[in-house]
C-alpha atoms as a PDB file:
ATOM      1  CA  MET A   1     103.694 133.226 -14.253  1.00  0.00           C
ATOM      2  CA  THR A   2     101.692 131.371 -12.531  1.00  0.00           C
ATOM      3  CA  TYR A   3      97.614 130.658 -12.855  1.00  0.00           C
ATOM      4  CA  PHE A   4      95.822 129.770 -10.806  1.00  0.00           C
ATOM      5  CA  SER A   5      92.108 128.055 -11.484  1.00  0.00           C
ATOM      6  CA  ALA A   6      89.238 127.703  -8.760  1.00  0.00           C
ATOM      7  CA  ALA A   7      90.323 124.091  -8.634  1.00  0.00           C
ATOM      8  CA  THR A   8      93.444 125.127  -6.832  1.00  0.00           C
ATOM      9  CA  PHE A   9      91.031 126.248  -3.600  1.00  0.00           C
ATOM     10  CA  SER A  10      90.316 123.343  -0.962  1.00  0.00           C
ATOM     11  CA  HIS A  11      85.747 123.162  -1.289  1.00  0.00           C
ATOM     12  CA  ARG A  12      86.078 124.098   2.641  1.00  0.00           C
ATOM     13  CA  LEU A  13      87.803 127.513   1.637  1.00  0.00           C
ATOM     14  CA  LEU A  14      85.543 128.365  -1.184  1.00  0.00           C
ATOM     15  CA  TYR A  15      82.514 127.831   0.993  1.00  0.00           C
ATOM     16  CA  TYR A  16      83.683 129.837   3.755  1.00  0.00           C
ATOM     17  CA  THR A  17      84.427 132.986   1.221  1.00  0.00           C
ATOM     18  CA  LEU A  18      80.860 132.510   0.016  1.00  0.00           C
ATOM     19  CA  ALA A  19      79.881 132.101   3.289  1.00  0.00           C
ATOM     20  CA  MET A  20      81.522 135.372   4.249  1.00  0.00           C
ATOM     21  CA  ASN A  21      79.796 137.440   1.741  1.00  0.00           C
ATOM     22  CA  ALA A  22      76.586 135.928   2.090  1.00  0.00           C
ATOM     23  CA  PRO A  23      74.246 138.836   3.021  1.00  0.00           C
ATOM     24  CA  SER A  24      72.884 139.410   6.821  1.00  0.00           C
ATOM     25  CA  ASP A  25      69.247 138.671   7.198  1.00  0.00           C
ATOM     26  CA  ARG A  26      69.467 142.197   8.530  1.00  0.00           C
ATOM     27  CA  ASP A  27      70.754 143.374   4.996  1.00  0.00           C
ATOM     28  CA  LEU A  28      67.656 141.165   3.282  1.00  0.00           C
ATOM     29  CA  ILE A  29      65.495 142.691   5.172  1.00  0.00           C
ATOM     30  CA  LEU A  30      66.494 146.585   4.662  1.00  0.00           C
ATOM     31  CA  GLN A  31      66.800 145.655   0.679  1.00  0.00           C
ATOM     32  CA  ALA A  32      63.134 144.017   0.881  1.00  0.00           C
ATOM     33  CA  ARG A  33      61.946 147.144   2.272  1.00  0.00           C
ATOM     34  CA  ARG A  34      63.598 149.192  -0.606  1.00  0.00           C
ATOM     35  CA  GLY A  35      61.398 146.854  -3.040  1.00  0.00           C
ATOM     36  CA  GLU A  36      64.011 144.338  -3.541  1.00  0.00           C
ATOM     37  CA  ALA A  37      61.781 140.946  -4.567  1.00  0.00           C
ATOM     38  CA  GLU A  38      64.963 138.857  -4.646  1.00  0.00           C
ATOM     39  CA  ALA A  39      65.908 139.568  -1.117  1.00  0.00           C
ATOM     40  CA  PHE A  40      63.260 138.890   0.416  1.00  0.00           C
ATOM     41  CA  GLY A  41      63.186 135.520  -1.518  1.00  0.00           C
ATOM     42  CA  GLU A  42      66.836 134.924  -0.471  1.00  0.00           C
ATOM     43  CA  LEU A  43      65.047 134.905   3.192  1.00  0.00           C
ATOM     44  CA  VAL A  44      62.038 132.349   2.030  1.00  0.00           C
ATOM     45  CA  THR A  45      65.001 130.380   1.399  1.00  0.00           C
ATOM     46  CA  ARG A  46      66.850 130.084   4.248  1.00  0.00           C
ATOM     47  CA  TYR A  47      63.782 129.775   6.409  1.00  0.00           C
ATOM     48  CA  GLN A  48      61.288 128.021   4.304  1.00  0.00           C
ATOM     49  CA  THR A  49      62.086 124.351   5.846  1.00  0.00           C
ATOM     50  CA  GLY A  50      61.751 125.568   8.912  1.00  0.00           C
ATOM     51  CA  VAL A  51      58.405 127.296   8.566  1.00  0.00           C
ATOM     52  CA  PHE A  52      57.126 124.018   7.285  1.00  0.00           C
ATOM     53  CA  ASN A  53      57.967 122.074   9.548  1.00  0.00           C
ATOM     54  CA  VAL A  54      56.093 124.140  11.821  1.00  0.00           C
ATOM     55  CA  CYS A  55      53.214 124.124   9.838  1.00  0.00           C
ATOM     56  CA  TYR A  56      53.595 120.413   9.510  1.00  0.00           C
ATOM     57  CA  ARG A  57      54.299 119.517  13.018  1.00  0.00           C
ATOM     58  CA  ILE A  58      51.005 121.661  13.877  1.00  0.00           C
ATOM     59  CA  LEU A  59      49.004 120.473  11.116  1.00  0.00           C
ATOM     60  CA  HIS A  60      49.864 117.072  10.833  1.00  0.00           C
ATOM     61  CA  GLU A  61      48.793 117.520   6.605  1.00  0.00           C
ATOM     62  CA  ARG A  62      51.546 118.303   4.043  1.00  0.00           C
ATOM     63  CA  SER A  63      49.239 120.172   1.871  1.00  0.00           C
ATOM     64  CA  GLU A  64      47.832 122.632   4.470  1.00  0.00           C
ATOM     65  CA  ALA A  65      51.194 122.731   6.106  1.00  0.00           C
ATOM     66  CA  GLU A  66      52.712 123.599   2.581  1.00  0.00           C
ATOM     67  CA  ASP A  67      49.796 126.680   2.024  1.00  0.00           C
ATOM     68  CA  LEU A  68      50.049 127.471   5.573  1.00  0.00           C
ATOM     69  CA  ALA A  69      53.986 127.685   5.469  1.00  0.00           C
ATOM     70  CA  GLN A  70      53.499 129.802   1.892  1.00  0.00           C
ATOM     71  CA  GLU A  71      50.664 132.106   3.599  1.00  0.00           C
ATOM     72  CA  SER A  72      53.282 132.855   6.292  1.00  0.00           C
ATOM     73  CA  PHE A  73      56.230 134.049   3.741  1.00  0.00           C
ATOM     74  CA  ILE A  74      53.420 136.553   2.299  1.00  0.00           C
ATOM     75  CA  ARG A  75      51.936 137.753   5.841  1.00  0.00           C
ATOM     76  CA  GLY A  76      55.958 137.802   6.418  1.00  0.00           C
ATOM     77  CA  TYR A  77      56.558 140.109   3.534  1.00  0.00           C
ATOM     78  CA  ASP A  78      52.775 142.243   3.758  1.00  0.00           C
ATOM     79  CA  ARG A  79      54.943 143.351   6.952  1.00  0.00           C
ATOM     80  CA  ILE A  80      58.400 143.548   6.359  1.00  0.00           C
ATOM     81  CA  GLN A  81      58.322 147.950   6.594  1.00  0.00           C
ATOM     82  CA  THR A  82      57.146 147.405  10.541  1.00  0.00           C
ATOM     83  CA  PHE A  83      59.151 144.071  11.423  1.00  0.00           C
ATOM     84  CA  ASP A  84      61.820 145.502  14.150  1.00  0.00           C
ATOM     85  CA  ILE A  85      65.230 144.909  12.806  1.00  0.00           C
ATOM     86  CA  GLY A  86      66.546 144.536  16.554  1.00  0.00           C
ATOM     87  CA  ARG A  87      64.893 141.369  15.900  1.00  0.00           C
ATOM     88  CA  GLU A  88      65.915 137.741  14.308  1.00  0.00           C
ATOM     89  CA  PHE A  89      63.696 137.062  11.407  1.00  0.00           C
ATOM     90  CA  GLY A  90      63.886 133.166  11.812  1.00  0.00           C
ATOM     91  CA  PRO A  91      61.706 133.115  15.133  1.00  0.00           C
ATOM     92  CA  TRP A  92      59.522 135.855  14.395  1.00  0.00           C
ATOM     93  CA  ILE A  93      58.437 134.193  11.208  1.00  0.00           C
ATOM     94  CA  ARG A  94      58.469 130.642  12.665  1.00  0.00           C
ATOM     95  CA  ARG A  95      56.236 132.501  15.342  1.00  0.00           C
ATOM     96  CA  VAL A  96      54.114 134.126  12.630  1.00  0.00           C
ATOM     97  CA  ALA A  97      53.580 130.085  10.916  1.00  0.00           C
ATOM     98  CA  ALA A  98      52.482 128.980  14.266  1.00  0.00           C
ATOM     99  CA  ASN A  99      49.881 131.448  14.706  1.00  0.00           C
ATOM    100  CA  LEU A 100      48.300 131.239  11.083  1.00  0.00           C
ATOM    101  CA  CYS A 101      48.138 127.199  12.125  1.00  0.00           C
ATOM    102  CA  LEU A 102      46.784 127.653  15.266  1.00  0.00           C
ATOM    103  CA  ASN A 103      44.193 129.859  14.146  1.00  0.00           C
ATOM    104  CA  HIS A 104      43.798 127.446  11.127  1.00  0.00           C
ATOM    105  CA  LEU A 105      42.687 124.326  13.636  1.00  0.00           C
ATOM    106  CA  GLU A 106      40.483 126.977  15.906  1.00  0.00           C
ATOM    107  CA  SER A 107      38.312 127.685  12.465  1.00  0.00           C
ATOM    108  CA  GLN A 108      38.138 124.176  11.501  1.00  0.00           C
ATOM    109  CA  LYS A 109      36.773 121.046  13.410  1.00  0.00           C
ATOM    110  CA  VAL A 110      40.154 118.571  13.305  1.00  0.00           C
ATOM    111  CA  THR A 111      39.453 115.008  12.506  1.00  0.00           C
ATOM    112  CA  THR A 112      41.962 112.493  12.101  1.00  0.00           C
ATOM    113  CA  GLU A 113      41.495 109.736   9.603  1.00  0.00           C
ATOM    114  CA  LEU A 114      43.274 106.792   8.741  1.00  0.00           C
ATOM    115  CA  ASP A 115      44.382 105.931   5.266  1.00  0.00           C
ATOM    116  CA  GLU A 116      42.868 103.075   4.612  1.00  0.00           C
ATOM    117  CA  GLU A 117      45.392 102.356   1.386  1.00  0.00           C
ATOM    118  CA  ARG A 118      48.243 102.738   4.100  1.00  0.00           C
ATOM    119  CA  ASP A 119      46.584  99.990   6.059  1.00  0.00           C
ATOM    120  CA  ALA A 120      46.224  97.931   3.336  1.00  0.00           C
ATOM    121  CA  ASP A 121      49.986  98.188   2.073  1.00  0.00           C
ATOM    122  CA  SER A 122      51.159  97.624   5.597  1.00  0.00           C
ATOM    123  CA  ALA A 123      50.030  93.928   6.157  1.00  0.00           C
ATOM    124  CA  GLN A 124      52.645  92.791   3.690  1.00  0.00           C
ATOM    125  CA  LEU A 125      55.548  94.286   5.690  1.00  0.00           C
ATOM    126  CA  PRO A 126      57.635  92.164   7.785  1.00  0.00           C
ATOM    127  CA  GLU A 127      56.376  91.899  11.677  1.00  0.00           C
ATOM    128  CA  ALA A 128      59.329  94.433  13.412  1.00  0.00           C
ATOM    129  CA  VAL A 129      59.128  96.721  10.643  1.00  0.00           C
ATOM    130  CA  GLN A 130      55.126  96.924  11.265  1.00  0.00           C
ATOM    131  CA  GLU A 131      55.515  97.194  14.845  1.00  0.00           C
ATOM    132  CA  VAL A 132      57.809 100.339  13.988  1.00  0.00           C
ATOM    133  CA  LYS A 133      55.078 101.680  11.951  1.00  0.00           C
ATOM    134  CA  GLU A 134      52.446 101.127  13.776  1.00  0.00           C
ATOM    135  CA  ARG A 135      53.888 102.855  16.830  1.00  0.00           C
ATOM    136  CA  SER A 136      54.992 105.783  14.743  1.00  0.00           C
ATOM    137  CA  GLU A 137      51.631 106.152  13.870  1.00  0.00           C
ATOM    138  CA  GLN A 138      50.267 105.915  17.303  1.00  0.00           C
ATOM    139  CA  ILE A 139      52.310 108.534  18.463  1.00  0.00           C
ATOM    140  CA  ARG A 140      51.454 111.251  15.531  1.00  0.00           C
ATOM    141  CA  LEU A 141      47.882 110.701  16.001  1.00  0.00           C
ATOM    142  CA  MET A 142      48.172 110.869  19.973  1.00  0.00           C
ATOM    143  CA  LEU A 143      50.486 114.258  19.246  1.00  0.00           C
ATOM    144  CA  ALA A 144      47.504 115.639  17.063  1.00  0.00           C
ATOM    145  CA  SER A 145      44.824 114.963  19.632  1.00  0.00           C
ATOM    146  CA  LEU A 146      46.692 117.174  22.157  1.00  0.00           C
ATOM    147  CA  PRO A 147      45.121 120.539  22.637  1.00  0.00           C
ATOM    148  CA  ALA A 148      47.072 123.137  20.403  1.00  0.00           C
ATOM    149  CA  ASN A 149      48.893 124.784  22.786  1.00  0.00           C
ATOM    150  CA  TYR A 150      50.791 121.497  24.305  1.00  0.00           C
ATOM    151  CA  ARG A 151      51.466 120.367  20.428  1.00  0.00           C
ATOM    152  CA  LEU A 152      52.889 123.964  19.579  1.00  0.00           C
ATOM    153  CA  VAL A 153      54.810 123.668  22.803  1.00  0.00           C
ATOM    154  CA  VAL A 154      56.481 120.019  22.126  1.00  0.00           C
ATOM    155  CA  GLU A 155      57.184 120.819  18.282  1.00  0.00           C
ATOM    156  CA  LEU A 156      59.216 123.730  19.484  1.00  0.00           C
ATOM    157  CA  ARG A 157      60.926 121.588  21.811  1.00  0.00           C
ATOM    158  CA  HIS A 158      61.098 118.228  20.707  1.00  0.00           C
ATOM    159  CA  TYR A 159      60.968 118.729  16.640  1.00  0.00           C
ATOM    160  CA  GLN A 160      62.910 122.827  16.509  1.00  0.00           C
ATOM    161  CA  GLU A 161      64.958 121.587  19.732  1.00  0.00           C
ATOM    162  CA  MET A 162      64.504 125.270  21.074  1.00  0.00           C
ATOM    163  CA  SER A 163      65.827 125.442  24.678  1.00  0.00           C
ATOM    164  CA  TYR A 164      62.846 126.596  27.414  1.00  0.00           C
ATOM    165  CA  GLY A 165      63.927 130.167  27.074  1.00  0.00           C
ATOM    166  CA  GLU A 166      63.650 130.446  23.048  1.00  0.00           C
ATOM    167  CA  ILE A 167      60.125 128.950  23.605  1.00  0.00           C
ATOM    168  CA  ALA A 168      59.488 131.549  26.233  1.00  0.00           C
ATOM    169  CA  ALA A 169      60.300 134.175  23.862  1.00  0.00           C
ATOM    170  CA  GLN A 170      59.138 133.006  21.046  1.00  0.00           C
ATOM    171  CA  LEU A 171      55.849 132.376  21.882  1.00  0.00           C
ATOM    172  CA  ASN A 172      55.577 135.554  24.370  1.00  0.00           C
ATOM    173  CA  MET A 173      54.795 133.603  27.349  1.00  0.00           C
ATOM    174  CA  PRO A 174      56.626 132.736  31.136  1.00  0.00           C
ATOM    175  CA  LEU A 175      59.109 130.702  30.935  1.00  0.00           C
ATOM    176  CA  SER A 176      57.189 128.721  33.895  1.00  0.00           C
ATOM    177  CA  ASP A 177      53.979 128.127  31.423  1.00  0.00           C
ATOM    178  CA  VAL A 178      56.578 126.524  28.673  1.00  0.00           C
ATOM    179  CA  LYS A 179      57.599 123.870  31.422  1.00  0.00           C
ATOM    180  CA  SER A 180      53.951 123.627  32.444  1.00  0.00           C
ATOM    181  CA  HIS A 181      52.559 123.206  29.209  1.00  0.00           C
ATOM    182  CA  LEU A 182      55.333 120.755  28.135  1.00  0.00           C
ATOM    183  CA  PHE A 183      54.745 118.636  31.400  1.00  0.00           C
ATOM    184  CA  ARG A 184      51.359 118.306  31.187  1.00  0.00           C
ATOM    185  CA  ALA A 185      51.533 117.442  26.856  1.00  0.00           C
ATOM    186  CA  ARG A 186      54.320 114.670  28.045  1.00  0.00           C
ATOM    187  CA  LYS A 187      51.487 113.375  31.039  1.00  0.00           C
ATOM    188  CA  ILE A 188      48.700 113.178  28.857  1.00  0.00           C
ATOM    189  CA  LEU A 189      51.125 111.363  25.573  1.00  0.00           C
ATOM    190  CA  ALA A 190      52.523 109.023  28.680  1.00  0.00           C
ATOM    191  CA  GLU A 191      48.980 108.105  29.460  1.00  0.00           C
ATOM    192  CA  LYS A 192      47.684 107.756  26.510  1.00  0.00           C
ATOM    193  CA  LEU A 193      50.759 105.632  25.056  1.00  0.00           C
ATOM    194  CA  HIS A 194      50.553 103.006  27.927  1.00  0.00           C
ATOM    195  CA  ALA A 195      46.477 102.878  28.115  1.00  0.00           C
ATOM    196  CA  PRO A 196      45.105  99.709  27.406  1.00  0.00           C
ATOM    197  CA  ASP A 197      43.582  98.693  23.765  1.00  0.00           C
END
């Protein structure tokens, strides 16, 4: 008689077996509709990083991004009964997050302040590292200064790596508008990047 332990399975096979048994988003949504909170918790686990990234790229402020990411899932949970089961959950919840962030920006006057403590520390870094940090900060500030609708399209295209078609579908806008917004955003960024100090 031969006994097999879990160690006799390769990690790849074990992962594949577990992945095969994982419920689909559709199954989790149906379970959440029946009141199974753990099912919605699994959806949160699957999509929390993407939702946070959308919020952070739009807001450029970690604590606000965390708050609005959480609010996005609360709204998603509140609307789970009316969610169109034929749609994909990931793009939908990211769009909820994007809308919340855009509304948040519109409700506040957005001001960008430099962190004096970080600037003081940066004087101690080697010159090459300092230049990269300054350039990254400059690009971050330029992105933050873009109009919210341009910033959102840049976020989805360059940070979420979505295709033009996916962006158009997620934002419910014509493909030509997506391309136009990206073109204008890139043009603004290029002009700011190459403008004399």
